[in-house]
Structures are given as C-alpha cells and as structure tokens.
Amino acid sequence: MNLILLGPPGAGKGTQAERLVEEYGLVQLSTGEMLRQEIKAGSEIGNEAKKLMDAGQLVPDDMIIGLISSRMDGEELAKGIILDGFPRTTAQAEALDAMLSEKGQVMDHVIQIDVDEDAIVERICGRFSCAECGAGYHDTFLKPAEEGVCDKCGNTELVRRTDDNEETVRSRLVAYRLQTAPILPYYEKNGSLTTVDGNRPMEEVLDEIKGVIAAG
C-alpha cells in the first residue's frame, strides 16, 4: 500500500505518518532526507545532486523518481511507503505514477489533512521544547506539570524556534498552497484524493484515515 500525506505545516502529518508506519508496517520516505543521505554517503547520485544544489539549481524530477524507485526495491519497503514532501507538481505526480506502474503498483491513497489556518498559527506559535532532551510542549495543549521545568528530564531550559512566529508561519502556509494546489486536481481526477478534517483531536483524524484505507 502506497500513500501520500498532504497538509500544511502544523497539520499533524508527522504524527499521523508515525502512527500509520506502526499500524501498517509502511516506510516513510522523505525525499529531502534521502538526498542528504546520498550526499553524505558520497554516492554518484549524491555527488550529482550536491553539485546542482551548490549551484542553486533544483534536483531534476527524474533523479528524485530514480531515488524513490531504488528504495522501493528493498525488502524493507515491501509493505508500502508514505511519501513526505513529494510530489509537488503535476509533472512529478505523473512521473511517480509512471514509475509505480512499471513496478505493477499504484498510489493507493492521497490523503489531504485540512486544518483551519488560524488553528495552525496557534499550534505552531505556541509550541516549545526542552533544550536537553527535546521533549515537546505547548502553551495551551501540553504544558509541563511544573512551569519552566521539563517533565521528562527536569531541565529548566525550555526553548522556542525562532521561526515559530505568526508572520513566518503565514508565509509558509502561502507557500504550501502555491506548491500543493496544482496537484490536487490531478489526484481528484484519478479518484485517489481524500480530504480529512484535521481540526479534530489526533486520534479522531487517525481513525478517519484508517477508515479511508479500510474502504480501499
């Protein structure tokens, strides 16, 4: 089973992907992370990608598709994949489907997690974490038991990301809409797109996603 999870920053894609990996034995593939691994390993594709990136150029679609294809040939991906950050254009979506077709597979579900933008701003701008162990907290939804003290390790240095501010978050949301909007009609047309309401608690969103998968 192959899935794509779509959704703006703060929609909960990462949390849902983790749960789906546990539930179905899928492997989450991040094209950005795969490229970083190839560059670190000094592979042929990694060296070529690094030259392009250092020159400020985009890594071509066929290189990304080839990377995903080679990963899918491994036994550990036999149960399927969840794609993160790809595709972002109709051309990429078409190339991905062509590659899957060559392997006798399809993209079974494209699931868009739809969340109100004001709620996303609240989610992201309110989060902070422990500088020591990385435990995550939120001003509204998940406060530490003792103010200023990490529940897990007792550290008193709790930090916020500098880009977790309203102006930056709203800019990221605009960029997401511009990047993602073009591929939605493509997946709508082939019947693989489902939109779920991400404004609800994570467990309810997960249950709806699992229902979509169960329905085929």
C-alpha atoms as a PDB file:
ATOM      1  CA  MET A   1       0.000   0.000   0.000  1.00  0.00           C
ATOM      2  CA  ASN A   2       1.388   3.382  -1.029  1.00  0.00           C
ATOM      3  CA  LEU A   3       0.249   6.671   0.498  1.00  0.00           C
ATOM      4  CA  ILE A   4       0.868  10.382   0.144  1.00  0.00           C
ATOM      5  CA  LEU A   5       0.036  12.616   3.099  1.00  0.00           C
ATOM      6  CA  LEU A   6      -0.624  16.248   2.195  1.00  0.00           C
ATOM      7  CA  GLY A   7      -1.154  19.075   4.612  1.00  0.00           C
ATOM      8  CA  PRO A   8       0.275  22.433   5.629  1.00  0.00           C
ATOM      9  CA  PRO A   9       2.943  22.855   8.325  1.00  0.00           C
ATOM     10  CA  GLY A  10       1.346  22.105  11.689  1.00  0.00           C
ATOM     11  CA  ALA A  11      -1.410  19.900  10.250  1.00  0.00           C
ATOM     12  CA  GLY A  12      -0.085  16.839  12.067  1.00  0.00           C
ATOM     13  CA  LYS A  13       1.297  14.923   9.074  1.00  0.00           C
ATOM     14  CA  GLY A  14       4.343  13.771  11.013  1.00  0.00           C
ATOM     15  CA  THR A  15       2.316  12.379  13.896  1.00  0.00           C
ATOM     16  CA  GLN A  16      -0.117  10.617  11.570  1.00  0.00           C
ATOM     17  CA  ALA A  17       2.722   9.191   9.472  1.00  0.00           C
ATOM     18  CA  GLU A  18       4.354   7.731  12.592  1.00  0.00           C
ATOM     19  CA  ARG A  19       1.118   6.039  13.605  1.00  0.00           C
ATOM     20  CA  LEU A  20       0.494   4.675  10.095  1.00  0.00           C
ATOM     21  CA  VAL A  21       4.034   3.291   9.986  1.00  0.00           C
ATOM     22  CA  GLU A  22       3.333   1.436  13.241  1.00  0.00           C
ATOM     23  CA  GLU A  23      -0.129   0.300  12.160  1.00  0.00           C
ATOM     24  CA  TYR A  24       0.623  -0.971   8.661  1.00  0.00           C
ATOM     25  CA  GLY A  25       4.371  -1.577   8.535  1.00  0.00           C
ATOM     26  CA  LEU A  26       4.898   1.124   5.921  1.00  0.00           C
ATOM     27  CA  VAL A  27       8.133   3.068   5.475  1.00  0.00           C
ATOM     28  CA  GLN A  28       8.073   6.860   5.434  1.00  0.00           C
ATOM     29  CA  LEU A  29      10.227   8.332   2.675  1.00  0.00           C
ATOM     30  CA  SER A  30      11.326  11.953   2.776  1.00  0.00           C
ATOM     31  CA  THR A  31      12.952  12.966  -0.495  1.00  0.00           C
ATOM     32  CA  GLY A  32      14.938  15.680   1.264  1.00  0.00           C
ATOM     33  CA  GLU A  33      16.300  13.221   3.810  1.00  0.00           C
ATOM     34  CA  MET A  34      17.105  10.663   1.099  1.00  0.00           C
ATOM     35  CA  LEU A  35      19.112  13.257  -0.831  1.00  0.00           C
ATOM     36  CA  ARG A  36      21.019  14.253   2.315  1.00  0.00           C
ATOM     37  CA  GLN A  37      21.871  10.587   2.942  1.00  0.00           C
ATOM     38  CA  GLU A  38      23.116  10.133  -0.618  1.00  0.00           C
ATOM     39  CA  ILE A  39      25.258  13.276  -0.371  1.00  0.00           C
ATOM     40  CA  LYS A  40      26.708  12.137   2.959  1.00  0.00           C
ATOM     41  CA  ALA A  41      27.471   8.700   1.518  1.00  0.00           C
ATOM     42  CA  GLY A  42      29.245  10.282  -1.465  1.00  0.00           C
ATOM     43  CA  SER A  43      27.239   8.202  -3.935  1.00  0.00           C
ATOM     44  CA  GLU A  44      27.087   9.043  -7.634  1.00  0.00           C
ATOM     45  CA  ILE A  45      23.578  10.451  -7.337  1.00  0.00           C
ATOM     46  CA  GLY A  46      24.563  12.266  -4.138  1.00  0.00           C
ATOM     47  CA  ASN A  47      27.565  13.937  -5.757  1.00  0.00           C
ATOM     48  CA  GLU A  48      25.495  14.985  -8.755  1.00  0.00           C
ATOM     49  CA  ALA A  49      22.723  16.349  -6.510  1.00  0.00           C
ATOM     50  CA  LYS A  50      25.255  18.273  -4.398  1.00  0.00           C
ATOM     51  CA  LYS A  51      26.716  19.990  -7.471  1.00  0.00           C
ATOM     52  CA  LEU A  52      23.251  21.102  -8.535  1.00  0.00           C
ATOM     53  CA  MET A  53      22.245  22.258  -5.064  1.00  0.00           C
ATOM     54  CA  ASP A  54      25.541  24.123  -4.527  1.00  0.00           C
ATOM     55  CA  ALA A  55      24.890  25.923  -7.817  1.00  0.00           C
ATOM     56  CA  GLY A  56      21.424  26.918  -6.621  1.00  0.00           C
ATOM     57  CA  GLN A  57      19.676  24.601  -9.064  1.00  0.00           C
ATOM     58  CA  LEU A  58      16.800  22.210  -8.428  1.00  0.00           C
ATOM     59  CA  VAL A  59      17.429  18.487  -8.387  1.00  0.00           C
ATOM     60  CA  PRO A  60      15.648  17.164 -11.522  1.00  0.00           C
ATOM     61  CA  ASP A  61      12.478  15.116 -11.176  1.00  0.00           C
ATOM     62  CA  ASP A  62      13.952  12.038 -12.844  1.00  0.00           C
ATOM     63  CA  MET A  63      16.714  11.909 -10.229  1.00  0.00           C
ATOM     64  CA  ILE A  64      14.175  12.047  -7.379  1.00  0.00           C
ATOM     65  CA  ILE A  65      11.975   9.420  -9.036  1.00  0.00           C
ATOM     66  CA  GLY A  66      15.019   7.189  -9.556  1.00  0.00           C
ATOM     67  CA  LEU A  67      15.930   7.537  -5.897  1.00  0.00           C
ATOM     68  CA  ILE A  68      12.425   6.593  -4.750  1.00  0.00           C
ATOM     69  CA  SER A  69      12.365   3.693  -7.218  1.00  0.00           C
ATOM     70  CA  SER A  70      15.646   2.252  -5.967  1.00  0.00           C
ATOM     71  CA  ARG A  71      14.493   2.486  -2.347  1.00  0.00           C
ATOM     72  CA  MET A  72      11.247   0.690  -3.200  1.00  0.00           C
ATOM     73  CA  ASP A  73      13.196  -2.306  -4.479  1.00  0.00           C
ATOM     74  CA  GLY A  74      14.393  -3.074  -0.947  1.00  0.00           C
ATOM     75  CA  GLU A  75      12.640  -5.799   1.049  1.00  0.00           C
ATOM     76  CA  GLU A  76      12.010  -3.451   3.971  1.00  0.00           C
ATOM     77  CA  LEU A  77       9.613  -1.459   1.757  1.00  0.00           C
ATOM     78  CA  ALA A  78       7.606  -4.474   0.662  1.00  0.00           C
ATOM     79  CA  LYS A  79       4.510  -3.370   2.604  1.00  0.00           C
ATOM     80  CA  GLY A  80       4.482   0.069   1.004  1.00  0.00           C
ATOM     81  CA  ILE A  81       5.523   3.671   1.518  1.00  0.00           C
ATOM     82  CA  ILE A  82       4.322   7.007   2.841  1.00  0.00           C
ATOM     83  CA  LEU A  83       5.748   9.893   0.822  1.00  0.00           C
ATOM     84  CA  ASP A  84       6.690  13.124   2.566  1.00  0.00           C
ATOM     85  CA  GLY A  85       7.400  16.288   0.564  1.00  0.00           C
ATOM     86  CA  PHE A  86       6.881  14.766  -2.874  1.00  0.00           C
ATOM     87  CA  PRO A  87       5.275  15.210  -5.362  1.00  0.00           C
ATOM     88  CA  ARG A  88       4.744  18.962  -5.504  1.00  0.00           C
ATOM     89  CA  THR A  89       3.880  19.396  -9.180  1.00  0.00           C
ATOM     90  CA  THR A  90       1.610  17.628 -11.644  1.00  0.00           C
ATOM     91  CA  ALA A  91       4.661  16.562 -13.674  1.00  0.00           C
ATOM     92  CA  GLN A  92       6.151  14.925 -10.595  1.00  0.00           C
ATOM     93  CA  ALA A  93       2.850  13.206  -9.807  1.00  0.00           C
ATOM     94  CA  GLU A  94       2.639  11.838 -13.347  1.00  0.00           C
ATOM     95  CA  ALA A  95       6.260  10.636 -13.256  1.00  0.00           C
ATOM     96  CA  LEU A  96       5.675   8.987  -9.889  1.00  0.00           C
ATOM     97  CA  ASP A  97       2.615   7.141 -11.186  1.00  0.00           C
ATOM     98  CA  ALA A  98       4.539   6.000 -14.266  1.00  0.00           C
ATOM     99  CA  MET A  99       7.325   4.604 -12.073  1.00  0.00           C
ATOM    100  CA  LEU A 100       4.834   2.802  -9.841  1.00  0.00           C
ATOM    101  CA  SER A 101       3.069   1.376 -12.900  1.00  0.00           C
ATOM    102  CA  GLU A 102       6.374  -0.116 -14.092  1.00  0.00           C
ATOM    103  CA  LYS A 103       6.573  -1.927 -10.762  1.00  0.00           C
ATOM    104  CA  GLY A 104       2.966  -3.104 -11.029  1.00  0.00           C
ATOM    105  CA  GLN A 105       1.896  -0.745  -8.242  1.00  0.00           C
ATOM    106  CA  VAL A 106      -0.282   2.337  -7.815  1.00  0.00           C
ATOM    107  CA  MET A 107      -0.550   5.255  -5.416  1.00  0.00           C
ATOM    108  CA  ASP A 108      -3.405   3.829  -3.360  1.00  0.00           C
ATOM    109  CA  HIS A 109      -4.386   6.920  -1.380  1.00  0.00           C
ATOM    110  CA  VAL A 110      -3.563  10.614  -1.375  1.00  0.00           C
ATOM    111  CA  ILE A 111      -4.829  11.997   1.917  1.00  0.00           C
ATOM    112  CA  GLN A 112      -5.036  15.728   2.482  1.00  0.00           C
ATOM    113  CA  ILE A 113      -5.267  16.828   6.120  1.00  0.00           C
ATOM    114  CA  ASP A 114      -7.246  20.064   6.056  1.00  0.00           C
ATOM    115  CA  VAL A 115      -6.756  22.413   9.015  1.00  0.00           C
ATOM    116  CA  ASP A 116      -8.000  25.953   9.603  1.00  0.00           C
ATOM    117  CA  GLU A 117      -5.088  28.348   9.150  1.00  0.00           C
ATOM    118  CA  ASP A 118      -5.730  30.282  12.365  1.00  0.00           C
ATOM    119  CA  ALA A 119      -5.615  26.981  14.248  1.00  0.00           C
ATOM    120  CA  ILE A 120      -2.290  26.144  12.590  1.00  0.00           C
ATOM    121  CA  VAL A 121      -0.849  29.501  13.655  1.00  0.00           C
ATOM    122  CA  GLU A 122      -1.931  28.786  17.232  1.00  0.00           C
ATOM    123  CA  ARG A 123      -0.484  25.273  17.121  1.00  0.00           C
ATOM    124  CA  ILE A 124       2.911  26.321  15.799  1.00  0.00           C
ATOM    125  CA  CYS A 125       3.385  29.623  17.619  1.00  0.00           C
ATOM    126  CA  GLY A 126       2.518  28.046  20.961  1.00  0.00           C
ATOM    127  CA  ARG A 127       5.000  25.183  20.849  1.00  0.00           C
ATOM    128  CA  PHE A 128       8.307  24.963  22.707  1.00  0.00           C
ATOM    129  CA  SER A 129      10.659  22.183  23.743  1.00  0.00           C
ATOM    130  CA  CYS A 130      13.291  21.068  26.210  1.00  0.00           C
ATOM    131  CA  ALA A 131      16.774  22.111  25.128  1.00  0.00           C
ATOM    132  CA  GLU A 132      18.224  18.999  26.774  1.00  0.00           C
ATOM    133  CA  CYS A 133      16.017  16.031  25.760  1.00  0.00           C
ATOM    134  CA  GLY A 134      13.848  17.572  23.038  1.00  0.00           C
ATOM    135  CA  ALA A 135      10.509  16.849  24.740  1.00  0.00           C
ATOM    136  CA  GLY A 136       7.783  18.960  23.147  1.00  0.00           C
ATOM    137  CA  TYR A 137       5.285  21.234  24.903  1.00  0.00           C
ATOM    138  CA  HIS A 138       2.623  23.803  24.046  1.00  0.00           C
ATOM    139  CA  ASP A 139       1.327  26.948  25.733  1.00  0.00           C
ATOM    140  CA  THR A 140      -2.273  25.690  25.520  1.00  0.00           C
ATOM    141  CA  PHE A 141      -2.378  21.986  24.726  1.00  0.00           C
ATOM    142  CA  LEU A 142       0.577  20.466  26.575  1.00  0.00           C
ATOM    143  CA  LYS A 143       2.075  22.439  29.421  1.00  0.00           C
ATOM    144  CA  PRO A 144       4.779  20.909  31.658  1.00  0.00           C
ATOM    145  CA  ALA A 145       3.498  19.854  35.067  1.00  0.00           C
ATOM    146  CA  GLU A 146       5.750  22.429  36.707  1.00  0.00           C
ATOM    147  CA  GLU A 147       6.131  25.712  34.843  1.00  0.00           C
ATOM    148  CA  GLY A 148       9.584  26.078  33.324  1.00  0.00           C
ATOM    149  CA  VAL A 149      10.674  22.515  34.113  1.00  0.00           C
ATOM    150  CA  CYS A 150      10.784  19.590  31.659  1.00  0.00           C
ATOM    151  CA  ASP A 151       8.598  16.681  32.783  1.00  0.00           C
ATOM    152  CA  LYS A 152      10.975  14.096  31.315  1.00  0.00           C
ATOM    153  CA  CYS A 153      14.454  15.189  32.385  1.00  0.00           C
ATOM    154  CA  GLY A 154      13.973  18.062  34.828  1.00  0.00           C
ATOM    155  CA  ASN A 155      15.894  20.538  32.696  1.00  0.00           C
ATOM    156  CA  THR A 156      14.881  24.173  33.135  1.00  0.00           C
ATOM    157  CA  GLU A 157      15.969  25.425  29.715  1.00  0.00           C
ATOM    158  CA  LEU A 158      12.857  25.391  27.514  1.00  0.00           C
ATOM    159  CA  VAL A 159      13.253  26.935  24.081  1.00  0.00           C
ATOM    160  CA  ARG A 160      11.237  28.081  21.065  1.00  0.00           C
ATOM    161  CA  ARG A 161      12.213  28.006  17.406  1.00  0.00           C
ATOM    162  CA  THR A 162      12.913  31.493  16.080  1.00  0.00           C
ATOM    163  CA  ASP A 163      10.733  30.824  13.009  1.00  0.00           C
ATOM    164  CA  ASP A 164       7.700  29.816  15.091  1.00  0.00           C
ATOM    165  CA  ASN A 165       6.121  33.260  14.798  1.00  0.00           C
ATOM    166  CA  GLU A 166       2.895  34.317  13.085  1.00  0.00           C
ATOM    167  CA  GLU A 167       4.476  36.182  10.164  1.00  0.00           C
ATOM    168  CA  THR A 168       6.750  33.275   9.226  1.00  0.00           C
ATOM    169  CA  VAL A 169       4.032  30.657   9.707  1.00  0.00           C
ATOM    170  CA  ARG A 170       1.577  32.520   7.476  1.00  0.00           C
ATOM    171  CA  SER A 171       4.272  32.872   4.789  1.00  0.00           C
ATOM    172  CA  ARG A 172       4.874  29.117   4.966  1.00  0.00           C
ATOM    173  CA  LEU A 173       1.149  28.499   4.583  1.00  0.00           C
ATOM    174  CA  VAL A 174       1.032  30.664   1.437  1.00  0.00           C
ATOM    175  CA  ALA A 175       3.995  28.740   0.017  1.00  0.00           C
ATOM    176  CA  TYR A 176       2.284  25.435   0.809  1.00  0.00           C
ATOM    177  CA  ARG A 177      -0.890  26.478  -1.006  1.00  0.00           C
ATOM    178  CA  LEU A 178       1.068  27.564  -4.066  1.00  0.00           C
ATOM    179  CA  GLN A 179       3.100  24.338  -4.145  1.00  0.00           C
ATOM    180  CA  THR A 180       0.294  21.901  -3.444  1.00  0.00           C
ATOM    181  CA  ALA A 181      -2.704  23.383  -5.257  1.00  0.00           C
ATOM    182  CA  PRO A 182      -1.576  22.224  -8.721  1.00  0.00           C
ATOM    183  CA  ILE A 183      -1.505  18.517  -7.853  1.00  0.00           C
ATOM    184  CA  LEU A 184      -4.914  18.314  -6.176  1.00  0.00           C
ATOM    185  CA  PRO A 185      -6.942  18.255  -9.447  1.00  0.00           C
ATOM    186  CA  TYR A 186      -4.653  15.506 -10.777  1.00  0.00           C
ATOM    187  CA  TYR A 187      -5.359  13.212  -7.831  1.00  0.00           C
ATOM    188  CA  GLU A 188      -9.023  14.220  -7.719  1.00  0.00           C
ATOM    189  CA  LYS A 189      -9.388  13.198 -11.349  1.00  0.00           C
ATOM    190  CA  ASN A 190      -7.929   9.720 -10.802  1.00  0.00           C
ATOM    191  CA  GLY A 191     -10.023   9.191  -7.677  1.00  0.00           C
ATOM    192  CA  SER A 192      -7.207   8.740  -5.165  1.00  0.00           C
ATOM    193  CA  LEU A 193      -7.627  12.020  -3.228  1.00  0.00           C
ATOM    194  CA  THR A 194      -9.463  12.146   0.094  1.00  0.00           C
ATOM    195  CA  THR A 195      -9.620  15.175   2.383  1.00  0.00           C
ATOM    196  CA  VAL A 196      -9.963  14.649   6.134  1.00  0.00           C
ATOM    197  CA  ASP A 197     -10.785  17.245   8.777  1.00  0.00           C
ATOM    198  CA  GLY A 198      -7.565  17.867  10.700  1.00  0.00           C
ATOM    199  CA  ASN A 199      -9.119  20.327  13.155  1.00  0.00           C
ATOM    200  CA  ARG A 200     -10.122  17.446  15.449  1.00  0.00           C
ATOM    201  CA  PRO A 201      -8.024  15.543  18.019  1.00  0.00           C
ATOM    202  CA  MET A 202      -5.202  13.468  16.513  1.00  0.00           C
ATOM    203  CA  GLU A 203      -6.844  10.140  17.393  1.00  0.00           C
ATOM    204  CA  GLU A 204     -10.040  11.082  15.558  1.00  0.00           C
ATOM    205  CA  VAL A 205      -8.061  12.139  12.490  1.00  0.00           C
ATOM    206  CA  LEU A 206      -6.159   8.845  12.598  1.00  0.00           C
ATOM    207  CA  ASP A 207      -9.411   6.882  12.823  1.00  0.00           C
ATOM    208  CA  GLU A 208     -10.753   8.650   9.737  1.00  0.00           C
ATOM    209  CA  ILE A 209      -7.540   7.960   7.802  1.00  0.00           C
ATOM    210  CA  LYS A 210      -7.704   4.295   8.779  1.00  0.00           C
ATOM    211  CA  GLY A 211     -11.333   4.264   7.614  1.00  0.00           C
ATOM    212  CA  VAL A 212     -10.287   5.641   4.229  1.00  0.00           C
ATOM    213  CA  ILE A 213      -7.651   2.915   3.931  1.00  0.00           C
ATOM    214  CA  ALA A 214     -10.062   0.184   5.003  1.00  0.00           C
ATOM    215  CA  ALA A 215     -12.602   1.311   2.402  1.00  0.00           C
ATOM    216  CA  GLY A 216      -9.988   0.763  -0.304  1.00  0.00           C
END
